[in-house]
Amino acid sequence: MSQLDLPQRAKVFKALSDPTRLQIVEFLVDGQERTGKDIADAVDITLALLCHHTGTLEEAGILIKRKQGQSCYHRLNQKSLETCLGSLNSPRAKL
């Protein structure tokens, strides 16, 4: 995914506009894969609320979820996030 179209970029920015989701992204910015419990504890929310927020981040393409047994692991899709944020640096974004 070398370039995201305008609607997809809008989804990313909309997902990042929520303070809790932004905290989740900031917690995962180091590139490490973390369990849902680790993330929920770090941002001080319940696992149920975490599921809601991670679902939104996954749909926007900025979070990747991997299930192993009964545990879910999450990590940032850094390439997608960098592509989206990098689009702000282009001299003139295509509309």
N, C-alpha and C. Protein backbone atom coordinates (compact mmCIF):
# COMPACT_ATOMS: atom_id res chain seq x y z
N MET A 1 0.85 -1.17 0.00
CA MET A 1 0.00 0.00 0.00
C MET A 1 0.89 1.24 0.00
N SER A 2 1.42 1.61 -1.14
CA SER A 2 2.36 2.72 -1.20
C SER A 2 1.66 4.06 -1.11
N GLN A 3 0.40 4.13 -1.50
CA GLN A 3 -0.31 5.40 -1.43
C GLN A 3 -1.76 5.13 -1.02
N LEU A 4 -2.23 5.89 -0.05
CA LEU A 4 -3.60 5.72 0.40
C LEU A 4 -4.48 6.74 -0.29
N ASP A 5 -5.67 6.31 -0.70
CA ASP A 5 -6.57 7.26 -1.34
C ASP A 5 -7.19 8.20 -0.29
N LEU A 6 -7.82 9.25 -0.76
CA LEU A 6 -8.36 10.28 0.12
C LEU A 6 -9.34 9.73 1.17
N PRO A 7 -10.32 8.89 0.79
CA PRO A 7 -11.23 8.36 1.82
C PRO A 7 -10.50 7.53 2.89
N GLN A 8 -9.49 6.77 2.48
CA GLN A 8 -8.75 5.97 3.46
C GLN A 8 -7.95 6.87 4.40
N ARG A 9 -7.33 7.92 3.87
CA ARG A 9 -6.60 8.86 4.72
C ARG A 9 -7.56 9.54 5.70
N ALA A 10 -8.75 9.87 5.24
CA ALA A 10 -9.75 10.48 6.12
C ALA A 10 -10.11 9.54 7.26
N LYS A 11 -10.22 8.23 6.97
CA LYS A 11 -10.50 7.23 8.00
C LYS A 11 -9.39 7.21 9.06
N VAL A 12 -8.16 7.28 8.60
CA VAL A 12 -7.03 7.27 9.52
C VAL A 12 -7.09 8.48 10.44
N PHE A 13 -7.28 9.66 9.86
CA PHE A 13 -7.30 10.87 10.68
C PHE A 13 -8.51 10.90 11.61
N LYS A 14 -9.63 10.37 11.17
CA LYS A 14 -10.80 10.28 12.03
C LYS A 14 -10.53 9.35 13.22
N ALA A 15 -9.90 8.22 12.93
CA ALA A 15 -9.56 7.27 14.01
C ALA A 15 -8.61 7.89 15.01
N LEU A 16 -7.67 8.69 14.53
CA LEU A 16 -6.69 9.31 15.42
C LEU A 16 -7.25 10.51 16.18
N SER A 17 -8.44 10.97 15.81
CA SER A 17 -9.00 12.15 16.47
C SER A 17 -9.53 11.86 17.87
N ASP A 18 -9.65 10.60 18.23
CA ASP A 18 -10.11 10.24 19.57
C ASP A 18 -8.90 10.15 20.50
N PRO A 19 -8.95 10.82 21.67
CA PRO A 19 -7.80 10.81 22.58
C PRO A 19 -7.37 9.41 23.03
N THR A 20 -8.31 8.53 23.28
CA THR A 20 -7.95 7.17 23.72
C THR A 20 -7.25 6.42 22.61
N ARG A 21 -7.76 6.52 21.39
CA ARG A 21 -7.11 5.84 20.27
C ARG A 21 -5.73 6.42 20.01
N LEU A 22 -5.59 7.71 20.17
CA LEU A 22 -4.27 8.32 20.01
C LEU A 22 -3.31 7.81 21.08
N GLN A 23 -3.79 7.62 22.29
CA GLN A 23 -2.95 7.04 23.35
C GLN A 23 -2.51 5.63 22.98
N ILE A 24 -3.43 4.86 22.42
CA ILE A 24 -3.10 3.49 22.02
C ILE A 24 -2.00 3.50 20.96
N VAL A 25 -2.14 4.37 19.97
CA VAL A 25 -1.12 4.48 18.92
C VAL A 25 0.22 4.91 19.51
N GLU A 26 0.19 5.89 20.40
CA GLU A 26 1.44 6.35 21.02
C GLU A 26 2.08 5.25 21.85
N PHE A 27 1.28 4.42 22.50
CA PHE A 27 1.81 3.31 23.29
C PHE A 27 2.48 2.27 22.39
N LEU A 28 1.95 2.10 21.18
CA LEU A 28 2.47 1.08 20.27
C LEU A 28 3.52 1.60 19.29
N VAL A 29 3.86 2.87 19.39
CA VAL A 29 4.73 3.48 18.40
C VAL A 29 6.15 2.88 18.38
N ASP A 30 6.52 2.19 19.44
CA ASP A 30 7.86 1.58 19.48
C ASP A 30 7.97 0.34 18.58
N GLY A 31 6.84 -0.07 17.98
CA GLY A 31 6.87 -1.19 17.04
C GLY A 31 6.67 -2.54 17.69
N GLN A 32 6.59 -2.59 19.01
CA GLN A 32 6.40 -3.86 19.70
C GLN A 32 4.97 -4.34 19.60
N GLU A 33 4.80 -5.63 19.58
CA GLU A 33 3.48 -6.25 19.59
C GLU A 33 3.07 -6.41 21.05
N ARG A 34 1.85 -6.02 21.38
CA ARG A 34 1.38 -6.08 22.77
C ARG A 34 0.03 -6.77 22.87
N THR A 35 -0.23 -7.36 24.02
CA THR A 35 -1.53 -7.98 24.26
C THR A 35 -2.57 -6.89 24.53
N GLY A 36 -3.83 -7.26 24.34
CA GLY A 36 -4.91 -6.33 24.64
C GLY A 36 -4.86 -5.88 26.09
N LYS A 37 -4.56 -6.80 26.99
CA LYS A 37 -4.49 -6.45 28.43
C LYS A 37 -3.39 -5.44 28.68
N ASP A 38 -2.24 -5.62 28.06
CA ASP A 38 -1.14 -4.65 28.22
C ASP A 38 -1.56 -3.26 27.77
N ILE A 39 -2.23 -3.21 26.63
CA ILE A 39 -2.66 -1.91 26.10
C ILE A 39 -3.73 -1.29 26.99
N ALA A 40 -4.73 -2.09 27.37
CA ALA A 40 -5.81 -1.58 28.23
C ALA A 40 -5.25 -1.04 29.54
N ASP A 41 -4.31 -1.76 30.13
CA ASP A 41 -3.70 -1.30 31.38
C ASP A 41 -2.92 0.00 31.17
N ALA A 42 -2.21 0.09 30.06
CA ALA A 42 -1.38 1.27 29.79
C ALA A 42 -2.21 2.53 29.58
N VAL A 43 -3.37 2.39 28.95
CA VAL A 43 -4.20 3.57 28.69
C VAL A 43 -5.37 3.68 29.65
N ASP A 44 -5.41 2.78 30.65
CA ASP A 44 -6.39 2.80 31.73
C ASP A 44 -7.83 2.73 31.24
N ILE A 45 -8.12 1.69 30.44
CA ILE A 45 -9.48 1.43 29.98
C ILE A 45 -9.79 -0.05 30.16
N THR A 46 -11.07 -0.40 30.05
CA THR A 46 -11.46 -1.80 30.16
C THR A 46 -11.15 -2.53 28.86
N LEU A 47 -11.11 -3.85 28.94
CA LEU A 47 -10.88 -4.65 27.75
C LEU A 47 -12.03 -4.48 26.75
N ALA A 48 -13.25 -4.33 27.25
CA ALA A 48 -14.39 -4.13 26.35
C ALA A 48 -14.24 -2.83 25.55
N LEU A 49 -13.84 -1.78 26.23
CA LEU A 49 -13.64 -0.50 25.54
C LEU A 49 -12.44 -0.58 24.59
N LEU A 50 -11.42 -1.32 24.99
CA LEU A 50 -10.27 -1.51 24.11
C LEU A 50 -10.69 -2.19 22.81
N CYS A 51 -11.55 -3.18 22.88
CA CYS A 51 -12.03 -3.88 21.68
C CYS A 51 -12.70 -2.89 20.73
N HIS A 52 -13.48 -1.98 21.26
CA HIS A 52 -14.13 -0.96 20.42
C HIS A 52 -13.08 -0.10 19.72
N HIS A 53 -12.13 0.40 20.49
CA HIS A 53 -11.12 1.30 19.92
C HIS A 53 -10.18 0.58 18.96
N THR A 54 -9.76 -0.63 19.29
CA THR A 54 -8.86 -1.34 18.37
C THR A 54 -9.58 -1.71 17.08
N GLY A 55 -10.87 -1.98 17.17
CA GLY A 55 -11.65 -2.26 15.96
C GLY A 55 -11.65 -1.08 15.00
N THR A 56 -11.80 0.11 15.56
CA THR A 56 -11.77 1.33 14.75
C THR A 56 -10.40 1.53 14.13
N LEU A 57 -9.36 1.30 14.92
CA LEU A 57 -7.99 1.46 14.41
C LEU A 57 -7.66 0.42 13.34
N GLU A 58 -8.16 -0.81 13.52
CA GLU A 58 -7.96 -1.85 12.50
C GLU A 58 -8.67 -1.49 11.20
N GLU A 59 -9.89 -1.03 11.32
CA GLU A 59 -10.67 -0.66 10.14
C GLU A 59 -10.00 0.48 9.37
N ALA A 60 -9.34 1.38 10.08
CA ALA A 60 -8.62 2.48 9.44
C ALA A 60 -7.30 2.01 8.84
N GLY A 61 -6.88 0.80 9.19
CA GLY A 61 -5.64 0.26 8.62
C GLY A 61 -4.38 0.62 9.38
N ILE A 62 -4.53 1.13 10.61
CA ILE A 62 -3.33 1.51 11.35
C ILE A 62 -2.95 0.51 12.44
N LEU A 63 -3.78 -0.46 12.66
CA LEU A 63 -3.49 -1.46 13.68
C LEU A 63 -3.63 -2.84 13.06
N ILE A 64 -2.71 -3.72 13.41
CA ILE A 64 -2.75 -5.10 12.94
C ILE A 64 -2.97 -5.99 14.16
N LYS A 65 -3.94 -6.88 14.06
CA LYS A 65 -4.28 -7.78 15.17
C LYS A 65 -3.92 -9.20 14.77
N ARG A 66 -3.31 -9.90 15.72
CA ARG A 66 -2.97 -11.30 15.53
C ARG A 66 -3.52 -12.07 16.72
N LYS A 67 -4.24 -13.13 16.43
CA LYS A 67 -4.81 -13.95 17.50
C LYS A 67 -3.99 -15.22 17.64
N GLN A 68 -3.64 -15.52 18.88
CA GLN A 68 -2.92 -16.76 19.18
C GLN A 68 -3.59 -17.38 20.39
N GLY A 69 -4.26 -18.49 20.16
CA GLY A 69 -5.03 -19.10 21.23
C GLY A 69 -6.16 -18.17 21.63
N GLN A 70 -6.24 -17.86 22.91
CA GLN A 70 -7.27 -16.94 23.39
C GLN A 70 -6.75 -15.51 23.51
N SER A 71 -5.49 -15.30 23.21
CA SER A 71 -4.91 -13.96 23.33
C SER A 71 -4.87 -13.26 21.98
N CYS A 72 -5.06 -11.96 22.03
CA CYS A 72 -4.93 -11.12 20.83
C CYS A 72 -3.73 -10.21 21.02
N TYR A 73 -2.96 -10.10 19.98
CA TYR A 73 -1.78 -9.24 19.99
C TYR A 73 -1.98 -8.14 18.96
N HIS A 74 -1.55 -6.94 19.31
CA HIS A 74 -1.73 -5.79 18.44
C HIS A 74 -0.39 -5.11 18.20
N ARG A 75 -0.25 -4.58 16.99
CA ARG A 75 0.91 -3.76 16.66
C ARG A 75 0.48 -2.74 15.62
N LEU A 76 1.25 -1.69 15.52
CA LEU A 76 0.95 -0.66 14.54
C LEU A 76 1.30 -1.12 13.14
N ASN A 77 0.52 -0.71 12.19
CA ASN A 77 0.87 -0.85 10.78
C ASN A 77 1.63 0.43 10.45
N GLN A 78 2.90 0.44 10.80
CA GLN A 78 3.69 1.66 10.70
C GLN A 78 3.80 2.18 9.28
N LYS A 79 3.86 1.28 8.33
CA LYS A 79 3.97 1.72 6.93
C LYS A 79 2.73 2.51 6.51
N SER A 80 1.56 1.99 6.85
CA SER A 80 0.32 2.68 6.51
C SER A 80 0.23 4.03 7.21
N LEU A 81 0.58 4.05 8.48
CA LEU A 81 0.53 5.29 9.25
C LEU A 81 1.53 6.32 8.70
N GLU A 82 2.73 5.86 8.39
CA GLU A 82 3.74 6.77 7.82
C GLU A 82 3.31 7.30 6.46
N THR A 83 2.71 6.44 5.64
CA THR A 83 2.23 6.86 4.33
C THR A 83 1.17 7.94 4.47
N CYS A 84 0.25 7.71 5.39
CA CYS A 84 -0.83 8.67 5.59
C CYS A 84 -0.30 10.00 6.10
N LEU A 85 0.53 9.95 7.11
CA LEU A 85 1.08 11.19 7.67
C LEU A 85 2.02 11.87 6.68
N GLY A 86 2.74 11.07 5.90
CA GLY A 86 3.64 11.62 4.89
C GLY A 86 2.90 12.36 3.79
N SER A 87 1.63 11.99 3.58
CA SER A 87 0.85 12.66 2.53
C SER A 87 0.66 14.14 2.85
N LEU A 88 0.81 14.50 4.11
CA LEU A 88 0.69 15.92 4.50
C LEU A 88 1.90 16.73 4.08
N ASN A 89 3.01 16.03 3.82
CA ASN A 89 4.24 16.71 3.42
C ASN A 89 4.35 16.93 1.92
N SER A 90 3.48 16.28 1.15
CA SER A 90 3.58 16.42 -0.30
C SER A 90 3.23 17.86 -0.70
N PRO A 91 3.90 18.40 -1.71
CA PRO A 91 3.67 19.78 -2.10
C PRO A 91 2.20 20.07 -2.39
N ARG A 92 1.56 19.12 -3.02
CA ARG A 92 0.15 19.32 -3.32
C ARG A 92 -0.51 17.96 -3.39
N ALA A 93 -1.34 17.68 -2.38
CA ALA A 93 -2.01 16.39 -2.36
C ALA A 93 -3.03 16.32 -3.50
N LYS A 94 -3.12 15.12 -4.11
CA LYS A 94 -4.09 14.93 -5.18
C LYS A 94 -5.47 14.78 -4.56
N LEU A 95 -6.41 15.47 -5.06
CA LEU A 95 -7.79 15.36 -4.57
C LEU A 95 -8.63 14.53 -5.49
